[in-house]
Amino acid sequence: MAAHRIAIMSDSTCDLPSALLEELGIVVVPLYVLFGEDHLRDGVDIDTPGFYQRLAADKVHPSTSQPTTADFVRAIEATEAEEVICLHITHRLSGTGISANAAREIVNRKVHVVDSLSVSMGLGFQVMAAARARNAGASVDEILAEIERVRSTLHVVFTVETLEFLHRGGRIGAAAKVLGTALQLKPVLNLAPDGQIDAVERVRSRKKSLLRLPEYVLERLDGSQPLRVGVMHGLAYEDAETVFSQMRQRANVIEEVHTLVGPVVGTHGGPGVLGLAVHVA
């Protein structure tokens, strides 16, 4: 990979496929998944299929932890870049940005820390846009403007089999959990503009929740515009194709990113988590 004057860095909750990370020249700092005393780096010490196998079999429910300041310092110093743009998971879900900002104060490098106010492909699309702009010769200010442009039209919605995992991890409150589990309803959730998870609807089956995701987004975006579409899931391949198929039929999709929800996000989404991220190209 050729060295760049500007490094594009993210954390592992961007959930981008490894081939895309390599192609675009993106540096990833892993978060941690904790199974009891086992502290595992997301995507390094445990891969996604192995994580879901362990999640199903292990009696210990995992927790997650942000990268340390030292993790970010090492990653920044390992680049040959003069400047670094570091995009991270929303502060509403993780303290990763705190570590990144602390590292910025230590390194002898100019570092721009950007709160994506999103997660998974919501973060991933911002990172992709930043890397593509950098690769096309954009300046730091132009890259930061492109990130803002993408975020301004970005919608991220998802569904889960159960709200139990989000509740255990403290990502939703008890009231939302009770509402979601009543009558075995399937929740439709979104990432609000402030980076908070909101439960927006409840539908009566998994199938209806899958159909509702594209509907919800296209009620808020003009489907005739060129759209980049990402579907991320916890090994729910057929369900992911259902969502992609709906988007292809109903919108002007110019790019598709099919990816797995990695161990850290999967800890809170649980098995069967499936999300849709869309923005105007």
C-alpha atoms as a PDB file:
ATOM      1  CA  MET A   1       0.000   0.000   0.000  1.00  0.00           C
ATOM      2  CA  ALA A   2       1.431   3.372  -0.999  1.00  0.00           C
ATOM      3  CA  ALA A   3       2.051   5.856   1.791  1.00  0.00           C
ATOM      4  CA  HIS A   4      -0.299   8.832   1.913  1.00  0.00           C
ATOM      5  CA  ARG A   5       0.259  12.302   3.322  1.00  0.00           C
ATOM      6  CA  ILE A   6      -3.119  11.970   5.065  1.00  0.00           C
ATOM      7  CA  ALA A   7      -4.021   8.760   6.908  1.00  0.00           C
ATOM      8  CA  ILE A   8      -7.658   7.706   7.237  1.00  0.00           C
ATOM      9  CA  MET A   9      -8.225   5.824  10.478  1.00  0.00           C
ATOM     10  CA  SER A  10     -11.290   4.277  12.078  1.00  0.00           C
ATOM     11  CA  ASP A  11     -12.185   1.765  14.739  1.00  0.00           C
ATOM     12  CA  SER A  12     -13.347  -1.801  14.212  1.00  0.00           C
ATOM     13  CA  THR A  13     -17.041  -0.966  14.639  1.00  0.00           C
ATOM     14  CA  CYS A  14     -17.041   0.382  11.068  1.00  0.00           C
ATOM     15  CA  ASP A  15     -17.572  -3.288  10.090  1.00  0.00           C
ATOM     16  CA  LEU A  16     -16.037  -2.767   6.631  1.00  0.00           C
ATOM     17  CA  PRO A  17     -14.913  -5.907   4.776  1.00  0.00           C
ATOM     18  CA  SER A  18     -11.155  -6.449   4.989  1.00  0.00           C
ATOM     19  CA  ALA A  19     -10.773  -6.335   1.198  1.00  0.00           C
ATOM     20  CA  LEU A  20     -12.369  -2.884   1.111  1.00  0.00           C
ATOM     21  CA  LEU A  21     -10.170  -1.637   3.956  1.00  0.00           C
ATOM     22  CA  GLU A  22      -7.090  -2.750   2.056  1.00  0.00           C
ATOM     23  CA  GLU A  23      -8.278  -1.417  -1.296  1.00  0.00           C
ATOM     24  CA  LEU A  24      -9.026   2.045   0.098  1.00  0.00           C
ATOM     25  CA  GLY A  25      -6.055   2.216   2.467  1.00  0.00           C
ATOM     26  CA  ILE A  26      -7.904   2.525   5.780  1.00  0.00           C
ATOM     27  CA  VAL A  27      -6.239   1.952   9.168  1.00  0.00           C
ATOM     28  CA  VAL A  28      -8.394   0.224  11.802  1.00  0.00           C
ATOM     29  CA  VAL A  29      -7.935   0.318  15.571  1.00  0.00           C
ATOM     30  CA  PRO A  30      -9.791  -2.603  17.197  1.00  0.00           C
ATOM     31  CA  LEU A  31     -12.121  -2.402  20.158  1.00  0.00           C
ATOM     32  CA  TYR A  32     -12.194  -5.306  22.621  1.00  0.00           C
ATOM     33  CA  VAL A  33     -14.668  -8.100  23.304  1.00  0.00           C
ATOM     34  CA  LEU A  34     -14.478  -9.531  26.811  1.00  0.00           C
ATOM     35  CA  PHE A  35     -15.596 -13.088  27.543  1.00  0.00           C
ATOM     36  CA  GLY A  36     -14.860 -13.250  31.259  1.00  0.00           C
ATOM     37  CA  GLU A  37     -11.071 -12.947  31.558  1.00  0.00           C
ATOM     38  CA  ASP A  38     -10.518 -13.240  27.804  1.00  0.00           C
ATOM     39  CA  HIS A  39      -9.830  -9.796  26.340  1.00  0.00           C
ATOM     40  CA  LEU A  40     -10.033 -10.228  22.565  1.00  0.00           C
ATOM     41  CA  ARG A  41      -9.296  -7.631  19.906  1.00  0.00           C
ATOM     42  CA  ASP A  42     -12.236  -7.283  17.547  1.00  0.00           C
ATOM     43  CA  GLY A  43     -11.313  -8.810  14.199  1.00  0.00           C
ATOM     44  CA  VAL A  44      -7.786  -9.705  15.327  1.00  0.00           C
ATOM     45  CA  ASP A  45      -8.037 -12.250  18.150  1.00  0.00           C
ATOM     46  CA  ILE A  46     -11.572 -13.321  17.244  1.00  0.00           C
ATOM     47  CA  ASP A  47     -13.275 -13.286  13.854  1.00  0.00           C
ATOM     48  CA  THR A  48     -16.964 -12.780  13.218  1.00  0.00           C
ATOM     49  CA  PRO A  49     -18.095 -16.399  12.631  1.00  0.00           C
ATOM     50  CA  GLY A  50     -16.073 -17.517  15.661  1.00  0.00           C
ATOM     51  CA  PHE A  51     -17.648 -14.784  17.756  1.00  0.00           C
ATOM     52  CA  TYR A  52     -21.223 -15.806  16.951  1.00  0.00           C
ATOM     53  CA  GLN A  53     -20.389 -19.456  17.653  1.00  0.00           C
ATOM     54  CA  ARG A  54     -18.995 -18.506  21.034  1.00  0.00           C
ATOM     55  CA  LEU A  55     -21.910 -16.153  21.752  1.00  0.00           C
ATOM     56  CA  ALA A  56     -24.313 -19.063  21.257  1.00  0.00           C
ATOM     57  CA  ALA A  57     -22.272 -21.580  23.260  1.00  0.00           C
ATOM     58  CA  ASP A  58     -20.669 -19.581  26.073  1.00  0.00           C
ATOM     59  CA  LYS A  59     -22.541 -19.198  29.355  1.00  0.00           C
ATOM     60  CA  VAL A  60     -20.703 -15.920  29.969  1.00  0.00           C
ATOM     61  CA  HIS A  61     -22.321 -12.999  28.156  1.00  0.00           C
ATOM     62  CA  PRO A  62     -19.582 -10.862  26.603  1.00  0.00           C
ATOM     63  CA  SER A  63     -18.999  -7.189  27.203  1.00  0.00           C
ATOM     64  CA  THR A  64     -17.031  -4.677  25.172  1.00  0.00           C
ATOM     65  CA  SER A  65     -14.328  -2.113  25.815  1.00  0.00           C
ATOM     66  CA  GLN A  66     -12.945   0.820  23.868  1.00  0.00           C
ATOM     67  CA  PRO A  67      -9.360   0.898  22.567  1.00  0.00           C
ATOM     68  CA  THR A  68      -6.853   2.374  24.981  1.00  0.00           C
ATOM     69  CA  THR A  69      -5.125   5.676  24.409  1.00  0.00           C
ATOM     70  CA  ALA A  70      -1.937   3.670  23.842  1.00  0.00           C
ATOM     71  CA  ASP A  71      -3.679   1.657  21.111  1.00  0.00           C
ATOM     72  CA  PHE A  72      -4.412   4.857  19.215  1.00  0.00           C
ATOM     73  CA  VAL A  73      -0.937   6.275  19.840  1.00  0.00           C
ATOM     74  CA  ARG A  74       0.654   3.126  18.376  1.00  0.00           C
ATOM     75  CA  ALA A  75      -1.647   3.173  15.353  1.00  0.00           C
ATOM     76  CA  ILE A  76      -1.032   6.860  14.658  1.00  0.00           C
ATOM     77  CA  GLU A  77       2.732   6.569  15.055  1.00  0.00           C
ATOM     78  CA  ALA A  78       2.798   3.519  12.764  1.00  0.00           C
ATOM     79  CA  THR A  79       1.506   5.591   9.848  1.00  0.00           C
ATOM     80  CA  GLU A  80       3.883   7.593   7.683  1.00  0.00           C
ATOM     81  CA  ALA A  81       1.289  10.317   7.229  1.00  0.00           C
ATOM     82  CA  GLU A  82       1.733  13.965   8.146  1.00  0.00           C
ATOM     83  CA  GLU A  83      -1.905  14.244   9.228  1.00  0.00           C
ATOM     84  CA  VAL A  84      -4.488  11.734  10.428  1.00  0.00           C
ATOM     85  CA  ILE A  85      -8.269  11.865  10.167  1.00  0.00           C
ATOM     86  CA  CYS A  86      -9.699   9.473  12.744  1.00  0.00           C
ATOM     87  CA  LEU A  87     -13.412   8.664  12.575  1.00  0.00           C
ATOM     88  CA  HIS A  88     -14.930   6.773  15.477  1.00  0.00           C
ATOM     89  CA  ILE A  89     -18.154   5.186  16.713  1.00  0.00           C
ATOM     90  CA  THR A  90     -20.775   7.551  18.133  1.00  0.00           C
ATOM     91  CA  HIS A  91     -20.002   8.794  21.639  1.00  0.00           C
ATOM     92  CA  ARG A  92     -23.515   7.669  22.609  1.00  0.00           C
ATOM     93  CA  LEU A  93     -22.436   4.026  22.373  1.00  0.00           C
ATOM     94  CA  SER A  94     -18.737   4.029  23.268  1.00  0.00           C
ATOM     95  CA  GLY A  95     -15.932   6.032  24.827  1.00  0.00           C
ATOM     96  CA  THR A  96     -13.659   5.283  21.868  1.00  0.00           C
ATOM     97  CA  GLY A  97     -13.522   8.967  20.969  1.00  0.00           C
ATOM     98  CA  ILE A  98     -12.156   9.778  24.432  1.00  0.00           C
ATOM     99  CA  SER A  99      -9.177   7.494  23.800  1.00  0.00           C
ATOM    100  CA  ALA A 100      -8.643   8.925  20.318  1.00  0.00           C
ATOM    101  CA  ASN A 101      -8.700  12.498  21.611  1.00  0.00           C
ATOM    102  CA  ALA A 102      -6.290  11.623  24.416  1.00  0.00           C
ATOM    103  CA  ALA A 103      -3.897  10.106  21.866  1.00  0.00           C
ATOM    104  CA  ARG A 104      -4.143  13.257  19.750  1.00  0.00           C
ATOM    105  CA  GLU A 105      -2.672  15.237  22.644  1.00  0.00           C
ATOM    106  CA  ILE A 106       0.309  12.869  22.921  1.00  0.00           C
ATOM    107  CA  VAL A 107       1.509  12.239  19.374  1.00  0.00           C
ATOM    108  CA  ASN A 108       3.739  14.530  17.374  1.00  0.00           C
ATOM    109  CA  ARG A 109       1.301  14.517  14.480  1.00  0.00           C
ATOM    110  CA  LYS A 110      -1.710  16.593  13.454  1.00  0.00           C
ATOM    111  CA  VAL A 111      -4.771  14.463  14.202  1.00  0.00           C
ATOM    112  CA  HIS A 112      -8.392  15.331  13.422  1.00  0.00           C
ATOM    113  CA  VAL A 113     -10.799  13.246  15.539  1.00  0.00           C
ATOM    114  CA  VAL A 114     -14.304  12.999  14.065  1.00  0.00           C
ATOM    115  CA  ASP A 115     -17.321  11.609  15.907  1.00  0.00           C
ATOM    116  CA  SER A 116     -19.295   9.789  13.214  1.00  0.00           C
ATOM    117  CA  LEU A 117     -22.464   9.865  15.357  1.00  0.00           C
ATOM    118  CA  SER A 118     -23.038   6.411  13.906  1.00  0.00           C
ATOM    119  CA  VAL A 119     -21.842   2.815  13.938  1.00  0.00           C
ATOM    120  CA  SER A 120     -21.308  -0.178  11.653  1.00  0.00           C
ATOM    121  CA  MET A 121     -21.911   0.832   8.008  1.00  0.00           C
ATOM    122  CA  GLY A 122     -23.129   4.246   9.163  1.00  0.00           C
ATOM    123  CA  LEU A 123     -19.552   4.802  10.290  1.00  0.00           C
ATOM    124  CA  GLY A 124     -18.229   2.686   7.432  1.00  0.00           C
ATOM    125  CA  PHE A 125     -19.717   4.861   4.688  1.00  0.00           C
ATOM    126  CA  GLN A 126     -18.180   7.980   6.237  1.00  0.00           C
ATOM    127  CA  VAL A 127     -14.807   6.250   6.385  1.00  0.00           C
ATOM    128  CA  MET A 128     -15.117   5.066   2.777  1.00  0.00           C
ATOM    129  CA  ALA A 129     -15.985   8.584   1.618  1.00  0.00           C
ATOM    130  CA  ALA A 130     -13.009  10.016   3.489  1.00  0.00           C
ATOM    131  CA  ALA A 131     -10.611   7.464   2.003  1.00  0.00           C
ATOM    132  CA  ARG A 132     -11.929   7.942  -1.530  1.00  0.00           C
ATOM    133  CA  ALA A 133     -11.615  11.717  -1.232  1.00  0.00           C
ATOM    134  CA  ARG A 134      -8.074  11.353   0.126  1.00  0.00           C
ATOM    135  CA  ASN A 135      -7.156   8.949  -2.665  1.00  0.00           C
ATOM    136  CA  ALA A 136      -8.472  11.471  -5.214  1.00  0.00           C
ATOM    137  CA  GLY A 137      -6.118  14.125  -3.854  1.00  0.00           C
ATOM    138  CA  ALA A 138      -8.479  16.080  -1.592  1.00  0.00           C
ATOM    139  CA  SER A 139      -7.158  18.291   1.193  1.00  0.00           C
ATOM    140  CA  VAL A 140      -7.969  17.702   4.858  1.00  0.00           C
ATOM    141  CA  ASP A 141     -10.665  20.394   4.777  1.00  0.00           C
ATOM    142  CA  GLU A 142     -12.192  18.876   1.642  1.00  0.00           C
ATOM    143  CA  ILE A 143     -12.194  15.416   3.225  1.00  0.00           C
ATOM    144  CA  LEU A 144     -13.865  16.726   6.382  1.00  0.00           C
ATOM    145  CA  ALA A 145     -16.486  18.469   4.232  1.00  0.00           C
ATOM    146  CA  GLU A 146     -17.153  15.229   2.345  1.00  0.00           C
ATOM    147  CA  ILE A 147     -17.657  13.381   5.637  1.00  0.00           C
ATOM    148  CA  GLU A 148     -20.224  16.005   6.653  1.00  0.00           C
ATOM    149  CA  ARG A 149     -21.974  15.728   3.289  1.00  0.00           C
ATOM    150  CA  VAL A 150     -22.308  11.963   3.588  1.00  0.00           C
ATOM    151  CA  ARG A 151     -23.544  12.204   7.165  1.00  0.00           C
ATOM    152  CA  SER A 152     -26.175  14.788   6.185  1.00  0.00           C
ATOM    153  CA  THR A 153     -28.053  12.245   4.022  1.00  0.00           C
ATOM    154  CA  LEU A 154     -27.173   9.118   6.005  1.00  0.00           C
ATOM    155  CA  HIS A 155     -29.873   6.864   7.423  1.00  0.00           C
ATOM    156  CA  VAL A 156     -29.156   3.778   9.534  1.00  0.00           C
ATOM    157  CA  VAL A 157     -31.972   1.470  10.622  1.00  0.00           C
ATOM    158  CA  PHE A 158     -31.823  -2.014  12.037  1.00  0.00           C
ATOM    159  CA  THR A 159     -33.763  -4.800  13.631  1.00  0.00           C
ATOM    160  CA  VAL A 160     -32.872  -7.439  16.193  1.00  0.00           C
ATOM    161  CA  GLU A 161     -34.380 -10.756  17.202  1.00  0.00           C
ATOM    162  CA  THR A 162     -34.528  -9.577  20.810  1.00  0.00           C
ATOM    163  CA  LEU A 163     -33.755  -6.361  22.689  1.00  0.00           C
ATOM    164  CA  GLU A 164     -32.141  -8.383  25.476  1.00  0.00           C
ATOM    165  CA  PHE A 165     -28.589  -7.827  24.211  1.00  0.00           C
ATOM    166  CA  LEU A 166     -28.996  -4.062  23.793  1.00  0.00           C
ATOM    167  CA  HIS A 167     -30.512  -3.863  27.267  1.00  0.00           C
ATOM    168  CA  ARG A 168     -27.737  -5.939  28.886  1.00  0.00           C
ATOM    169  CA  GLY A 169     -25.131  -3.663  27.390  1.00  0.00           C
ATOM    170  CA  GLY A 170     -26.909  -0.540  28.612  1.00  0.00           C
ATOM    171  CA  ARG A 171     -27.590   0.694  25.060  1.00  0.00           C
ATOM    172  CA  ILE A 172     -31.356   0.962  25.657  1.00  0.00           C
ATOM    173  CA  GLY A 173     -33.417   1.425  28.805  1.00  0.00           C
ATOM    174  CA  ALA A 174     -35.675  -1.048  30.593  1.00  0.00           C
ATOM    175  CA  ALA A 175     -38.849   0.580  29.259  1.00  0.00           C
ATOM    176  CA  ALA A 176     -37.766   0.144  25.648  1.00  0.00           C
ATOM    177  CA  LYS A 177     -36.895  -3.492  26.349  1.00  0.00           C
ATOM    178  CA  VAL A 178     -40.335  -4.187  27.828  1.00  0.00           C
ATOM    179  CA  LEU A 179     -42.066  -2.512  24.882  1.00  0.00           C
ATOM    180  CA  GLY A 180     -40.034  -4.471  22.381  1.00  0.00           C
ATOM    181  CA  THR A 181     -40.561  -7.865  23.959  1.00  0.00           C
ATOM    182  CA  ALA A 182     -44.304  -7.464  24.489  1.00  0.00           C
ATOM    183  CA  LEU A 183     -46.305  -9.795  22.238  1.00  0.00           C
ATOM    184  CA  GLN A 184     -43.039 -10.976  20.634  1.00  0.00           C
ATOM    185  CA  LEU A 185     -42.977  -7.869  18.466  1.00  0.00           C
ATOM    186  CA  LYS A 186     -39.878  -7.203  16.378  1.00  0.00           C
ATOM    187  CA  PRO A 187     -38.369  -3.751  16.871  1.00  0.00           C
ATOM    188  CA  VAL A 188     -37.305  -1.354  14.157  1.00  0.00           C
ATOM    189  CA  LEU A 189     -34.603   0.939  15.514  1.00  0.00           C
ATOM    190  CA  ASN A 190     -32.640   3.784  14.032  1.00  0.00           C
ATOM    191  CA  LEU A 191     -29.618   5.881  14.799  1.00  0.00           C
ATOM    192  CA  ALA A 192     -30.838   9.398  15.475  1.00  0.00           C
ATOM    193  CA  PRO A 193     -28.858  12.418  14.201  1.00  0.00           C
ATOM    194  CA  ASP A 194     -27.332  12.798  17.681  1.00  0.00           C
ATOM    195  CA  GLY A 195     -25.962   9.235  17.545  1.00  0.00           C
ATOM    196  CA  GLN A 196     -28.491   7.752  19.965  1.00  0.00           C
ATOM    197  CA  ILE A 197     -30.387   4.518  19.290  1.00  0.00           C
ATOM    198  CA  ASP A 198     -34.139   5.138  19.031  1.00  0.00           C
ATOM    199  CA  ALA A 199     -36.839   2.471  18.909  1.00  0.00           C
ATOM    200  CA  VAL A 200     -39.137   3.851  16.225  1.00  0.00           C
ATOM    201  CA  GLU A 201     -41.601   1.051  15.499  1.00  0.00           C
ATOM    202  CA  ARG A 202     -42.612  -2.482  16.401  1.00  0.00           C
ATOM    203  CA  VAL A 203     -43.877  -4.963  13.832  1.00  0.00           C
ATOM    204  CA  ARG A 204     -45.349  -8.426  14.187  1.00  0.00           C
ATOM    205  CA  SER A 205     -42.781 -10.633  12.484  1.00  0.00           C
ATOM    206  CA  ARG A 206     -39.180 -10.853  11.389  1.00  0.00           C
ATOM    207  CA  LYS A 207     -40.276 -10.754   7.748  1.00  0.00           C
ATOM    208  CA  LYS A 208     -42.212  -7.530   8.292  1.00  0.00           C
ATOM    209  CA  SER A 209     -39.260  -5.969  10.068  1.00  0.00           C
ATOM    210  CA  LEU A 210     -37.012  -6.762   7.088  1.00  0.00           C
ATOM    211  CA  LEU A 211     -39.468  -5.181   4.658  1.00  0.00           C
ATOM    212  CA  ARG A 212     -39.931  -2.180   6.905  1.00  0.00           C
ATOM    213  CA  LEU A 213     -36.228  -1.229   6.909  1.00  0.00           C
ATOM    214  CA  PRO A 214     -36.123  -0.171   3.215  1.00  0.00           C
ATOM    215  CA  GLU A 215     -39.568   1.420   3.517  1.00  0.00           C
ATOM    216  CA  TYR A 216     -38.481   3.506   6.478  1.00  0.00           C
ATOM    217  CA  VAL A 217     -35.383   4.802   4.696  1.00  0.00           C
ATOM    218  CA  LEU A 218     -37.157   5.543   1.409  1.00  0.00           C
ATOM    219  CA  GLU A 219     -39.828   7.528   3.243  1.00  0.00           C
ATOM    220  CA  ARG A 220     -36.975   9.858   4.185  1.00  0.00           C
ATOM    221  CA  LEU A 221     -34.786   9.765   1.067  1.00  0.00           C
ATOM    222  CA  ASP A 222     -35.686  10.270  -2.584  1.00  0.00           C
ATOM    223  CA  GLY A 223     -35.064   6.840  -4.084  1.00  0.00           C
ATOM    224  CA  SER A 224     -34.487   8.307  -7.546  1.00  0.00           C
ATOM    225  CA  GLN A 225     -31.224   9.847  -6.336  1.00  0.00           C
ATOM    226  CA  PRO A 226     -28.080   7.702  -6.689  1.00  0.00           C
ATOM    227  CA  LEU A 227     -27.745   5.818  -3.413  1.00  0.00           C
ATOM    228  CA  ARG A 228     -25.001   3.823  -1.739  1.00  0.00           C
ATOM    229  CA  VAL A 229     -26.497   0.951   0.229  1.00  0.00           C
ATOM    230  CA  GLY A 230     -24.955  -1.203   2.920  1.00  0.00           C
ATOM    231  CA  VAL A 231     -26.546  -4.184   4.613  1.00  0.00           C
ATOM    232  CA  MET A 232     -24.822  -5.543   7.698  1.00  0.00           C
ATOM    233  CA  HIS A 233     -25.882  -8.639   9.595  1.00  0.00           C
ATOM    234  CA  GLY A 234     -24.969 -11.343  12.064  1.00  0.00           C
ATOM    235  CA  LEU A 235     -24.718 -14.293   9.638  1.00  0.00           C
ATOM    236  CA  ALA A 236     -28.293 -13.704   8.370  1.00  0.00           C
ATOM    237  CA  TYR A 237     -27.386 -14.020   4.698  1.00  0.00           C
ATOM    238  CA  GLU A 238     -30.865 -14.734   3.294  1.00  0.00           C
ATOM    239  CA  ASP A 239     -32.403 -11.886   5.266  1.00  0.00           C
ATOM    240  CA  ALA A 240     -29.692  -9.543   3.992  1.00  0.00           C
ATOM    241  CA  GLU A 241     -30.514 -10.487   0.410  1.00  0.00           C
ATOM    242  CA  THR A 242     -34.208  -9.776   1.089  1.00  0.00           C
ATOM    243  CA  VAL A 243     -33.332  -6.225   2.123  1.00  0.00           C
ATOM    244  CA  PHE A 244     -30.954  -5.704  -0.809  1.00  0.00           C
ATOM    245  CA  SER A 245     -33.621  -6.980  -3.210  1.00  0.00           C
ATOM    246  CA  GLN A 246     -36.148  -4.475  -1.905  1.00  0.00           C
ATOM    247  CA  MET A 247     -33.683  -1.616  -2.296  1.00  0.00           C
ATOM    248  CA  ARG A 248     -32.766  -2.662  -5.846  1.00  0.00           C
ATOM    249  CA  GLN A 249     -36.431  -2.767  -6.849  1.00  0.00           C
ATOM    250  CA  ARG A 250     -37.373   0.542  -5.282  1.00  0.00           C
ATOM    251  CA  ALA A 251     -34.319   2.786  -5.519  1.00  0.00           C
ATOM    252  CA  ASN A 252     -31.429   3.895  -7.714  1.00  0.00           C
ATOM    253  CA  VAL A 253     -28.702   1.836  -6.049  1.00  0.00           C
ATOM    254  CA  ILE A 254     -25.254   2.574  -7.482  1.00  0.00           C
ATOM    255  CA  GLU A 255     -23.178   0.725  -4.875  1.00  0.00           C
ATOM    256  CA  GLU A 256     -23.841  -2.185  -2.543  1.00  0.00           C
ATOM    257  CA  VAL A 257     -21.732  -3.121   0.460  1.00  0.00           C
ATOM    258  CA  HIS A 258     -22.552  -6.484   1.990  1.00  0.00           C
ATOM    259  CA  THR A 259     -20.850  -6.954   5.342  1.00  0.00           C
ATOM    260  CA  LEU A 260     -21.070  -8.787   8.641  1.00  0.00           C
ATOM    261  CA  VAL A 261     -21.792  -7.143  11.967  1.00  0.00           C
ATOM    262  CA  GLY A 262     -18.537  -7.697  13.820  1.00  0.00           C
ATOM    263  CA  PRO A 263     -17.971  -8.948  17.367  1.00  0.00           C
ATOM    264  CA  VAL A 264     -18.258  -5.617  19.207  1.00  0.00           C
ATOM    265  CA  VAL A 265     -21.483  -4.467  17.550  1.00  0.00           C
ATOM    266  CA  GLY A 266     -22.743  -8.070  17.609  1.00  0.00           C
ATOM    267  CA  THR A 267     -22.286  -8.203  21.384  1.00  0.00           C
ATOM    268  CA  HIS A 268     -24.994  -5.558  21.699  1.00  0.00           C
ATOM    269  CA  GLY A 269     -27.160  -6.517  18.717  1.00  0.00           C
ATOM    270  CA  GLY A 270     -27.139 -10.236  19.363  1.00  0.00           C
ATOM    271  CA  PRO A 271     -27.656 -13.082  16.894  1.00  0.00           C
ATOM    272  CA  GLY A 272     -29.956 -12.106  14.048  1.00  0.00           C
ATOM    273  CA  VAL A 273     -29.090  -8.412  14.114  1.00  0.00           C
ATOM    274  CA  LEU A 274     -29.529  -6.865  10.669  1.00  0.00           C
ATOM    275  CA  GLY A 275     -29.064  -3.257   9.623  1.00  0.00           C
ATOM    276  CA  LEU A 276     -29.467  -1.064   6.570  1.00  0.00           C
ATOM    277  CA  ALA A 277     -27.325   2.026   5.957  1.00  0.00           C
ATOM    278  CA  VAL A 278     -28.039   4.337   3.022  1.00  0.00           C
ATOM    279  CA  HIS A 279     -26.723   7.698   1.862  1.00  0.00           C
ATOM    280  CA  VAL A 280     -26.893   9.835  -1.259  1.00  0.00           C
ATOM    281  CA  ALA A 281     -23.844   9.269  -3.451  1.00  0.00           C
END
